[in-house]
Amino acid sequence: MPNTRRTFLASSAGLAAHLLEPLRKLEAAVRPVHITDVDVFRIEIPIPEEQVKQGRMNRYVVSRIDTDAGVRGYSFAGPDPKILDATIRPALVGQDLFAIERHLEKGAGHWNGLEHAIWDAIGKIANQPVYELLGGGNPKRKVYLTTVWFGNQDQSHVSYDEQAAIALKFKQAGFKGMKIRAWRPNPIDDTEACRAIRDAVGPDFAIMFDRTAHAPESVGQQIWDYETASKVAHAFEDAGAYWLEEPFARDDFAQAAKLAREVDMPITGGEGLFGLEPFKEALTHGAYDIVQPENRRSGGIWICRKVAALAEAFHVPCVLHGTMGLMLAGALQISAAINAEWQEFVFIRPPLMPEEVWSPGLQVLKTKEMYRLEDGYIHVPDLPGIGLDVDEEALERFRVR
């Protein structure tokens, strides 16, 4: 096209509009910003059925927050769309976007990723990643991979050698740690799996084990009594395990504290706790050497930030319970803000690697990559908000009607 005065003025106007955009956002930030609408809906990204069966993530529940500043916030971490009209819209529409505490009072902490979407809008208005708004921190986080094989939930069908081979594959790819279930019917069998994995990967790779407290009841097992937990914990420690997660019922802080005093290996937990009060009780008891709030179920980004501060007062590290794919975005912001040692990825289904698990989600983003992995670390996106540049047209195409 010839460089005429008209095209020059048009291009100049476009450039001016682009340069003024940060000023418009700043203007919005210094005046009240209100939520004008909320939407929660499901999407299903079309991929071959074979890839679905492999464990690639193609289904999400999207939360969207609209504001009178013209900024939208997004999350891919729920909640159930059924509660949108009856509960969520009446509580949020017309409210001050920045009033996080008031949103929590009205129930936002129970609405999974909806609070993440509110923070996404706040970050976009401030033109900052959420982790910067929560105190900064290092945006490069070390990853461990929670690995669950298809088949028996207790993983008793998976040989020790197979678990060791996957661990070695992860280590060779640069990852620093892996977590598997401690659900086998004979608990000592999982400690033997630890020995096989340790022999394969050597001393500089973390091997975590998750009893998941109540979950083994679904496969016909009981919650461990103290004698069993003590025996297994000592065997794990001797085999070179990095930590044992939730060996008792989630509200049994006394026995967890006793075990934590008895072994040098960290005892961890907290993913099933909601709000500050149970974390305060757990920390007061000394139940966990590492607390693990869940970035959605524990109350959201702001509650997790508070839990981390509470844990810091007790000199206890905080490592978030993880998730995966597009749902991971909010958790990454918290992990960066609190300088968590680890970032958990849940679930990895062998033989897939993380990028393969989340690859379908790229179809709803404008960026070429969802997250950048490098030598076992994830780089938290530095885009404003929770770090996802969403393709709104793609969301509409994949929306489940």
Protein backbone atom coordinates (compact mmCIF):
# COMPACT_ATOMS: atom_id res chain seq x y z
CA MET A 1 0.00 0.00 0.00
CA PRO A 2 1.43 3.48 -0.90
CA ASN A 3 2.58 5.52 2.08
CA THR A 4 0.00 8.25 1.64
CA ARG A 5 -0.91 10.92 4.18
CA ARG A 6 -4.07 8.96 5.00
CA THR A 7 -2.24 5.70 5.70
CA PHE A 8 0.35 7.61 7.73
CA LEU A 9 -2.33 9.23 9.86
CA ALA A 10 -4.12 5.92 10.27
CA SER A 11 -0.95 4.16 11.38
CA SER A 12 -0.09 7.06 13.67
CA ALA A 13 -3.52 6.90 15.25
CA GLY A 14 -3.07 3.17 15.81
CA LEU A 15 0.31 3.73 17.40
CA ALA A 16 -1.06 6.49 19.61
CA ALA A 17 -3.90 4.25 20.74
CA HIS A 18 -1.39 1.54 21.56
CA LEU A 19 0.79 3.91 23.56
CA LEU A 20 -2.20 5.32 25.41
CA GLU A 21 -3.45 1.90 26.49
CA PRO A 22 -1.25 1.76 29.65
CA LEU A 23 -2.50 5.24 30.57
CA ARG A 24 -6.09 4.13 30.19
CA LYS A 25 -5.40 1.18 32.47
CA LEU A 26 -3.72 3.47 34.98
CA GLU A 27 -6.71 5.78 34.86
CA ALA A 28 -8.94 2.81 35.55
CA ALA A 29 -6.76 1.82 38.47
CA VAL A 30 -7.22 5.14 40.28
CA ARG A 31 -10.97 5.15 40.13
CA PRO A 32 -13.42 2.52 41.38
CA VAL A 33 -13.71 -0.47 39.07
CA HIS A 34 -16.88 -2.52 39.29
CA ILE A 35 -17.76 -6.02 38.18
CA THR A 36 -20.40 -5.74 35.49
CA ASP A 37 -20.91 -9.42 34.67
CA VAL A 38 -19.75 -12.92 35.54
CA ASP A 39 -19.87 -16.01 33.38
CA VAL A 40 -18.87 -19.61 34.10
CA PHE A 41 -18.96 -22.18 31.31
CA ARG A 42 -17.39 -25.38 30.12
CA ILE A 43 -15.16 -25.79 27.10
CA GLU A 44 -14.09 -28.95 25.32
CA ILE A 45 -11.16 -28.66 22.93
CA PRO A 46 -11.49 -31.22 20.11
CA ILE A 47 -8.65 -33.74 20.06
CA PRO A 48 -8.55 -37.39 18.96
CA GLU A 49 -10.08 -39.81 21.48
CA GLU A 50 -6.77 -41.64 21.64
CA GLN A 51 -5.12 -38.48 23.03
CA VAL A 52 -7.87 -38.07 25.61
CA LYS A 53 -7.24 -41.62 26.80
CA GLN A 54 -3.53 -40.88 27.02
CA GLY A 55 -4.22 -38.17 29.61
CA ARG A 56 -4.04 -34.94 27.58
CA MET A 57 -6.19 -32.18 29.07
CA ASN A 58 -8.88 -30.85 26.78
CA ARG A 59 -11.76 -29.96 29.14
CA TYR A 60 -11.94 -26.96 31.44
CA VAL A 61 -14.44 -24.85 33.34
CA VAL A 62 -13.87 -21.20 32.44
CA SER A 63 -14.59 -18.28 34.76
CA ARG A 64 -14.88 -14.82 33.22
CA ILE A 65 -15.16 -11.49 35.01
CA ASP A 66 -16.26 -8.36 33.10
CA THR A 67 -15.58 -4.88 34.47
CA ASP A 68 -16.62 -1.31 33.71
CA ALA A 69 -12.95 -0.59 32.97
CA GLY A 70 -13.30 -2.69 29.81
CA VAL A 71 -10.95 -5.35 31.21
CA ARG A 72 -11.81 -9.04 31.43
CA GLY A 73 -10.36 -11.55 33.85
CA TYR A 74 -10.17 -15.28 33.10
CA SER A 75 -9.49 -18.51 34.90
CA PHE A 76 -9.76 -22.15 33.83
CA ALA A 77 -10.20 -23.63 37.30
CA GLY A 78 -13.97 -23.75 37.88
CA PRO A 79 -16.39 -23.50 39.69
CA ASP A 80 -19.50 -25.51 38.80
CA PRO A 81 -21.52 -23.45 36.28
CA LYS A 82 -24.75 -24.60 37.95
CA ILE A 83 -24.30 -22.11 40.80
CA LEU A 84 -23.70 -19.10 38.53
CA ASP A 85 -27.15 -17.49 38.43
CA ALA A 86 -28.35 -18.51 41.88
CA THR A 87 -25.24 -17.64 43.87
CA ILE A 88 -22.32 -16.05 42.05
CA ARG A 89 -23.88 -13.28 39.94
CA PRO A 90 -25.97 -11.80 42.77
CA ALA A 91 -22.91 -11.74 45.03
CA LEU A 92 -20.45 -10.15 42.60
CA VAL A 93 -22.16 -8.06 39.92
CA GLY A 94 -21.98 -4.37 40.80
CA GLN A 95 -19.27 -4.90 43.42
CA ASP A 96 -15.85 -3.26 43.62
CA LEU A 97 -13.45 -5.54 41.71
CA PHE A 98 -10.62 -4.91 44.19
CA ALA A 99 -12.64 -5.79 47.31
CA ILE A 100 -11.18 -9.29 47.67
CA GLU A 101 -12.05 -9.62 51.36
CA ARG A 102 -15.68 -8.72 50.73
CA HIS A 103 -15.83 -11.20 47.85
CA LEU A 104 -14.53 -13.89 50.18
CA GLU A 105 -17.14 -12.99 52.79
CA LYS A 106 -19.80 -13.59 50.13
CA GLY A 107 -18.42 -17.00 49.23
CA ALA A 108 -15.75 -16.48 46.57
CA GLY A 109 -13.35 -18.74 48.44
CA HIS A 110 -15.66 -21.68 47.73
CA TRP A 111 -15.95 -20.91 44.02
CA ASN A 112 -12.67 -22.47 42.93
CA GLY A 113 -11.05 -20.50 40.14
CA LEU A 114 -13.48 -17.59 40.11
CA GLU A 115 -11.32 -15.70 42.60
CA HIS A 116 -8.39 -16.35 40.23
CA ALA A 117 -10.34 -14.59 37.46
CA ILE A 118 -10.90 -11.58 39.72
CA TRP A 119 -7.15 -11.39 40.35
CA ASP A 120 -6.53 -11.76 36.62
CA ALA A 121 -8.62 -8.64 35.96
CA ILE A 122 -6.87 -6.77 38.78
CA GLY A 123 -3.46 -7.65 37.36
CA LYS A 124 -4.45 -6.56 33.89
CA ILE A 125 -5.67 -3.19 35.15
CA ALA A 126 -2.43 -2.72 37.11
CA ASN A 127 -0.47 -4.01 34.08
CA GLN A 128 1.41 -6.40 36.39
CA PRO A 129 1.58 -10.15 36.97
CA VAL A 130 -0.36 -11.08 40.08
CA TYR A 131 2.75 -12.36 41.84
CA GLU A 132 4.22 -8.85 41.68
CA LEU A 133 1.09 -7.45 43.31
CA LEU A 134 1.43 -10.02 46.10
CA GLY A 135 4.97 -9.03 47.01
CA GLY A 136 7.14 -10.07 44.11
CA GLY A 137 9.38 -13.09 44.43
CA ASN A 138 11.34 -15.27 42.06
CA PRO A 139 9.27 -16.24 38.99
CA LYS A 140 11.42 -19.34 38.36
CA ARG A 141 10.11 -22.36 40.27
CA LYS A 142 11.44 -25.90 40.64
CA VAL A 143 9.00 -28.57 39.45
CA TYR A 144 8.08 -31.99 40.77
CA LEU A 145 5.80 -34.30 38.82
CA THR A 146 2.98 -36.15 40.57
CA THR A 147 2.68 -39.32 38.54
CA VAL A 148 -0.33 -41.64 38.44
CA TRP A 149 -0.51 -44.60 36.09
CA PHE A 150 -3.80 -45.58 34.49
CA GLY A 151 -5.22 -48.77 36.02
CA ASN A 152 -5.56 -49.70 39.67
CA GLN A 153 -5.82 -46.60 41.84
CA ASP A 154 -3.48 -48.15 44.41
CA GLN A 155 -0.87 -48.54 41.63
CA SER A 156 -0.26 -52.16 42.69
CA HIS A 157 -0.23 -53.21 39.02
CA VAL A 158 2.81 -51.01 38.30
CA SER A 159 6.16 -52.68 38.83
CA TYR A 160 8.93 -51.03 40.81
CA ASP A 161 11.11 -51.14 37.71
CA GLU A 162 8.47 -49.29 35.68
CA GLN A 163 8.21 -46.57 38.31
CA ALA A 164 12.00 -46.34 38.41
CA ALA A 165 12.22 -46.07 34.61
CA ILE A 166 9.78 -43.14 34.53
CA ALA A 167 11.65 -41.40 37.35
CA LEU A 168 14.88 -41.77 35.40
CA LYS A 169 13.18 -40.37 32.28
CA PHE A 170 12.06 -37.32 34.27
CA LYS A 171 15.52 -36.81 35.72
CA GLN A 172 17.15 -37.05 32.30
CA ALA A 173 14.67 -34.39 31.10
CA GLY A 174 15.97 -32.07 33.82
CA PHE A 175 13.24 -32.43 36.45
CA LYS A 176 14.29 -32.51 40.08
CA GLY A 177 11.59 -34.61 41.71
CA MET A 178 8.63 -36.95 41.37
CA LYS A 179 5.74 -37.94 43.65
CA ILE A 180 3.81 -41.21 43.56
CA ARG A 181 1.05 -42.75 45.64
CA ALA A 182 1.68 -44.75 48.80
CA TRP A 183 -1.49 -46.76 48.39
CA ARG A 184 -0.35 -50.34 47.85
CA PRO A 185 -2.30 -52.82 50.04
CA ASN A 186 0.90 -53.76 51.87
CA PRO A 187 2.34 -50.34 52.79
CA ILE A 188 5.91 -51.63 52.98
CA ASP A 189 5.72 -52.44 49.27
CA ASP A 190 5.79 -48.72 48.49
CA THR A 191 8.99 -48.34 50.47
CA GLU A 192 10.52 -51.04 48.27
CA ALA A 193 9.42 -49.02 45.24
CA CYS A 194 11.30 -46.09 46.76
CA ARG A 195 14.46 -48.19 46.99
CA ALA A 196 14.18 -49.23 43.33
CA ILE A 197 13.65 -45.63 42.21
CA ARG A 198 16.51 -44.36 44.35
CA ASP A 199 18.84 -46.99 42.86
CA ALA A 200 17.87 -45.78 39.37
CA VAL A 201 18.08 -42.02 39.85
CA GLY A 202 20.84 -41.63 42.43
CA PRO A 203 20.87 -39.27 45.42
CA ASP A 204 20.07 -35.92 43.77
CA PHE A 205 16.45 -36.51 42.77
CA ALA A 206 13.53 -36.01 45.19
CA ILE A 207 11.13 -38.94 45.61
CA MET A 208 7.92 -37.90 47.39
CA PHE A 209 5.13 -40.22 48.56
CA ASP A 210 1.48 -39.28 49.01
CA ARG A 211 -0.82 -41.28 51.23
CA THR A 212 -3.60 -38.70 50.51
CA ALA A 213 -5.10 -39.35 53.95
CA HIS A 214 -8.67 -40.50 53.33
CA ALA A 215 -8.32 -41.48 49.67
CA PRO A 216 -7.16 -45.12 50.09
CA GLU A 217 -10.57 -45.86 51.66
CA SER A 218 -11.93 -45.70 48.11
CA VAL A 219 -9.86 -48.78 47.25
CA GLY A 220 -10.85 -50.76 50.34
CA GLN A 221 -8.07 -49.69 52.71
CA GLN A 222 -8.12 -48.06 56.11
CA ILE A 223 -6.43 -44.92 57.31
CA TRP A 224 -3.16 -45.96 58.91
CA ASP A 225 -2.97 -46.40 62.67
CA TYR A 226 0.03 -44.85 64.33
CA GLU A 227 2.04 -48.07 64.54
CA THR A 228 1.69 -48.63 60.77
CA ALA A 229 2.49 -45.02 59.91
CA SER A 230 5.59 -45.05 62.11
CA LYS A 231 6.86 -48.30 60.61
CA VAL A 232 6.28 -47.11 57.03
CA ALA A 233 7.72 -43.64 57.66
CA HIS A 234 10.94 -45.07 59.08
CA ALA A 235 11.19 -47.45 56.12
CA PHE A 236 10.66 -44.57 53.67
CA GLU A 237 13.29 -42.52 55.45
CA ASP A 238 15.76 -45.40 55.27
CA ALA A 239 14.99 -45.86 51.55
CA GLY A 240 15.74 -42.21 50.77
CA ALA A 241 12.25 -40.70 50.43
CA TYR A 242 12.06 -36.90 50.34
CA TRP A 243 8.74 -36.56 52.19
CA LEU A 244 5.57 -38.43 53.23
CA GLU A 245 2.31 -36.57 52.61
CA GLU A 246 -0.89 -36.89 54.66
CA PRO A 247 -0.24 -40.16 56.49
CA PHE A 248 -3.32 -39.67 58.73
CA ALA A 249 -6.83 -38.24 58.51
CA ARG A 250 -6.72 -34.60 57.48
CA ASP A 251 -7.97 -33.35 60.84
CA ASP A 252 -5.71 -35.62 62.89
CA PHE A 253 -3.06 -33.04 63.71
CA ALA A 254 -1.95 -34.73 66.94
CA GLN A 255 -0.73 -37.95 65.34
CA ALA A 256 0.83 -36.09 62.41
CA ALA A 257 2.74 -33.92 64.88
CA LYS A 258 3.92 -36.97 66.82
CA LEU A 259 5.20 -38.62 63.64
CA ALA A 260 6.85 -35.39 62.48
CA ARG A 261 8.80 -35.32 65.76
CA GLU A 262 9.77 -38.97 65.42
CA VAL A 263 11.30 -38.94 61.92
CA ASP A 264 13.72 -36.59 60.19
CA MET A 265 11.95 -36.94 56.81
CA PRO A 266 9.39 -34.14 56.38
CA ILE A 267 5.72 -34.93 57.04
CA THR A 268 3.54 -32.71 54.84
CA GLY A 269 -0.13 -31.91 54.33
CA GLY A 270 -2.89 -29.35 54.13
CA GLU A 271 -4.48 -29.68 50.69
CA GLY A 272 -7.86 -30.53 52.21
CA LEU A 273 -7.95 -27.60 54.65
CA PHE A 274 -10.10 -24.51 53.96
CA GLY A 275 -9.43 -21.05 55.29
CA LEU A 276 -6.90 -19.87 57.86
CA GLU A 277 -8.24 -21.47 61.04
CA PRO A 278 -7.36 -25.14 60.31
CA PHE A 279 -3.91 -24.14 59.08
CA LYS A 280 -3.37 -22.22 62.32
CA GLU A 281 -4.40 -25.32 64.27
CA ALA A 282 -2.10 -27.56 62.20
CA LEU A 283 0.83 -25.19 62.67
CA THR A 284 0.17 -24.78 66.38
CA HIS A 285 0.24 -28.56 66.78
CA GLY A 286 3.41 -28.83 64.69
CA ALA A 287 1.60 -31.30 62.43
CA TYR A 288 3.47 -30.60 59.21
CA ASP A 289 7.05 -29.78 58.33
CA ILE A 290 5.71 -28.31 55.06
CA VAL A 291 2.16 -26.98 54.60
CA GLN A 292 0.44 -27.51 51.25
CA PRO A 293 -2.65 -25.33 50.71
CA GLU A 294 -4.70 -26.07 47.61
CA ASN A 295 -4.79 -23.07 45.29
CA ARG A 296 -8.54 -23.47 44.70
CA ARG A 297 -10.06 -25.55 47.50
CA SER A 298 -8.24 -23.78 50.35
CA GLY A 299 -9.93 -20.49 49.44
CA GLY A 300 -8.07 -19.07 46.45
CA ILE A 301 -5.04 -16.92 45.75
CA TRP A 302 -5.49 -14.48 48.64
CA ILE A 303 -6.11 -17.17 51.27
CA CYS A 304 -3.07 -19.14 50.08
CA ARG A 305 -0.97 -15.98 50.37
CA LYS A 306 -2.21 -15.58 53.95
CA VAL A 307 -1.49 -19.24 54.75
CA ALA A 308 2.07 -18.80 53.52
CA ALA A 309 2.54 -15.75 55.75
CA LEU A 310 1.08 -17.64 58.71
CA ALA A 311 3.39 -20.60 58.05
CA GLU A 312 6.38 -18.26 57.79
CA ALA A 313 5.64 -17.04 61.31
CA PHE A 314 6.02 -20.66 62.45
CA HIS A 315 9.20 -21.11 60.35
CA VAL A 316 7.40 -23.71 58.23
CA PRO A 317 7.80 -23.72 54.42
CA CYS A 318 4.73 -23.51 52.19
CA VAL A 319 4.53 -25.52 48.96
CA LEU A 320 1.21 -25.38 47.13
CA HIS A 321 -0.74 -28.45 46.21
CA GLY A 322 -0.63 -28.49 42.44
CA THR A 323 -2.78 -28.83 39.39
CA MET A 324 -2.08 -28.89 35.67
CA GLY A 325 -2.60 -27.27 32.30
CA LEU A 326 -4.49 -23.96 32.09
CA MET A 327 -5.66 -24.46 35.69
CA LEU A 328 -2.04 -24.08 36.82
CA ALA A 329 -1.86 -20.37 36.05
CA GLY A 330 -3.21 -19.07 39.36
CA ALA A 331 -1.11 -21.49 41.41
CA LEU A 332 2.05 -20.33 39.66
CA GLN A 333 1.38 -16.74 40.68
CA ILE A 334 1.11 -17.74 44.34
CA SER A 335 4.21 -19.95 44.21
CA ALA A 336 6.26 -17.10 42.77
CA ALA A 337 4.94 -14.59 45.31
CA ILE A 338 5.84 -16.79 48.29
CA ASN A 339 9.10 -18.13 46.82
CA ALA A 340 7.93 -21.72 47.25
CA GLU A 341 10.72 -24.24 46.81
CA TRP A 342 8.62 -26.51 44.58
CA GLN A 343 5.76 -26.33 42.10
CA GLU A 344 3.70 -29.50 41.81
CA PHE A 345 2.28 -30.69 38.46
CA VAL A 346 -0.81 -32.96 38.80
CA PHE A 347 -1.35 -35.43 37.10
CA ILE A 348 1.30 -36.79 34.79
CA ARG A 349 0.15 -40.00 33.10
CA PRO A 350 3.14 -42.02 31.88
CA PRO A 351 4.65 -41.95 29.37
CA LEU A 352 3.50 -38.35 28.70
CA MET A 353 5.59 -35.33 29.62
CA PRO A 354 4.03 -32.09 30.96
CA GLU A 355 4.01 -30.22 27.63
CA GLU A 356 2.15 -33.14 26.07
CA VAL A 357 -0.44 -33.17 28.85
CA TRP A 358 -1.30 -29.48 28.48
CA SER A 359 -0.79 -29.18 24.70
CA PRO A 360 -4.53 -29.07 23.77
CA GLY A 361 -4.95 -25.90 25.83
CA LEU A 362 -2.71 -23.97 23.46
CA GLN A 363 -5.70 -23.77 21.13
CA VAL A 364 -7.36 -21.20 23.41
CA LEU A 365 -4.26 -19.03 23.82
CA LYS A 366 -2.68 -16.45 21.54
CA THR A 367 0.82 -17.39 22.69
CA LYS A 368 2.91 -20.20 21.17
CA GLU A 369 3.64 -21.74 24.55
CA MET A 370 1.59 -22.04 27.73
CA TYR A 371 4.53 -22.10 30.12
CA ARG A 372 8.26 -22.25 29.59
CA LEU A 373 10.07 -25.23 31.10
CA GLU A 374 13.83 -25.17 31.37
CA ASP A 375 16.03 -27.77 33.11
CA GLY A 376 13.27 -28.81 35.49
CA TYR A 377 12.13 -25.27 36.32
CA ILE A 378 9.00 -23.47 35.20
CA HIS A 379 9.15 -19.78 34.36
CA VAL A 380 6.04 -18.05 35.66
CA PRO A 381 4.58 -15.97 32.80
CA ASP A 382 5.22 -12.23 33.15
CA LEU A 383 2.05 -11.21 31.32
CA PRO A 384 -0.37 -9.03 33.33
CA GLY A 385 -2.84 -10.94 35.48
CA ILE A 386 -2.37 -14.66 35.96
CA GLY A 387 -0.31 -14.91 32.80
CA LEU A 388 -2.61 -16.28 30.09
CA ASP A 389 -3.27 -14.40 26.83
CA VAL A 390 -6.71 -15.82 26.07
CA ASP A 391 -8.15 -16.16 22.58
CA GLU A 392 -11.79 -15.24 23.20
CA GLU A 393 -12.94 -16.39 19.77
CA ALA A 394 -11.49 -19.84 20.44
CA LEU A 395 -13.30 -20.00 23.77
CA GLU A 396 -16.60 -19.38 22.01
CA ARG A 397 -15.85 -22.06 19.40
CA PHE A 398 -15.14 -24.66 22.08
CA ARG A 399 -17.87 -23.62 24.48
CA VAL A 400 -20.13 -26.51 25.50
CA ARG A 401 -23.70 -25.43 24.75
